[in-house]
């Protein structure tokens, strides 16, 4: 079973930016998650999680052969799961009233809890080749990555005016951005490939949105996310190119790097309410992805969503 990151847009693990899972295009084989025990014998992947400020979980559930990608909403314990849409990479709005998700490369929608009300936030805008997108902390903007190899940059769109401002430049692929709780900084991942596809530079950057000053805080990592109090950043990756991937935290100034997991493969962390826990996905010995939680210091790991074994 391929790593989730092998199917994520702009992952350093993706070959030619196409997903190699079951021969499908990468955007159709993003792995998934589900939060309730299944009444049938179907085995599912559970991944691509997003956690609201009050602890409500969004996830994508897909079959082992990646034929279906369905977005569910459930409690943080995995109870009361309800299908919301067919799609991938869901992201909660800050108020938990709506969510952003992708249905294909370059096409994103916003849906309320009444799924009949669906809007296209990028309609009639100048944005194109969209890959990843998320809400700003105040919900007034959408941060997204757009472009194609060998270069992609991050932009911010005002949801009301549709004004778009590109906030990164230079060589390489930049993606997976998140805005700090105070709105002053942005963290994102990047990598640069040579003509022979060798990665010559990679890591995680914190950018001061006012001054434009940037600081590299890690030499590896993908999909970084700020804690709610702004004091820590969680991400996953391979330190020194070692496998498998694990969950790490680091201070915004680059100090205090700490490895929190040692699983088969651990990816896509999300901070729980109050920053007391971190939700993440991990691959079990059967090759299926599950949702787990742990304390912010890496202790008390507990399975929350997965198949009956």
Foldseek 3Di string as FASTA:
>chain_A
DDDLLCLAAPRLNDDLRARPQLPHGSQQQRAKFAQDEDPDDFFWFHALWEAAQQQKIWMWIAGPSSPFTWIWIGGNLSPPIDTQGTFHNWYAQRVRQWIWTHRDFFFIWIAGSPRVDIDTQCPPAPDGRWRDWYAANVRQKIWTWHDHPPEIFIWIAGSPVRDIDTLDDDTWYWGLKYAALVRQKIKIWTWGADPVRHTPFIAMWIAGRPPRDIDGQTRWFHNWYAENVRQKIKTWTDVVPDDDIFIWMAGPNNPDIDTQDDANHKGDWDAHHPSQKIWIWGADPVRHIFIWMAGNNNHDIDTRTGYDD
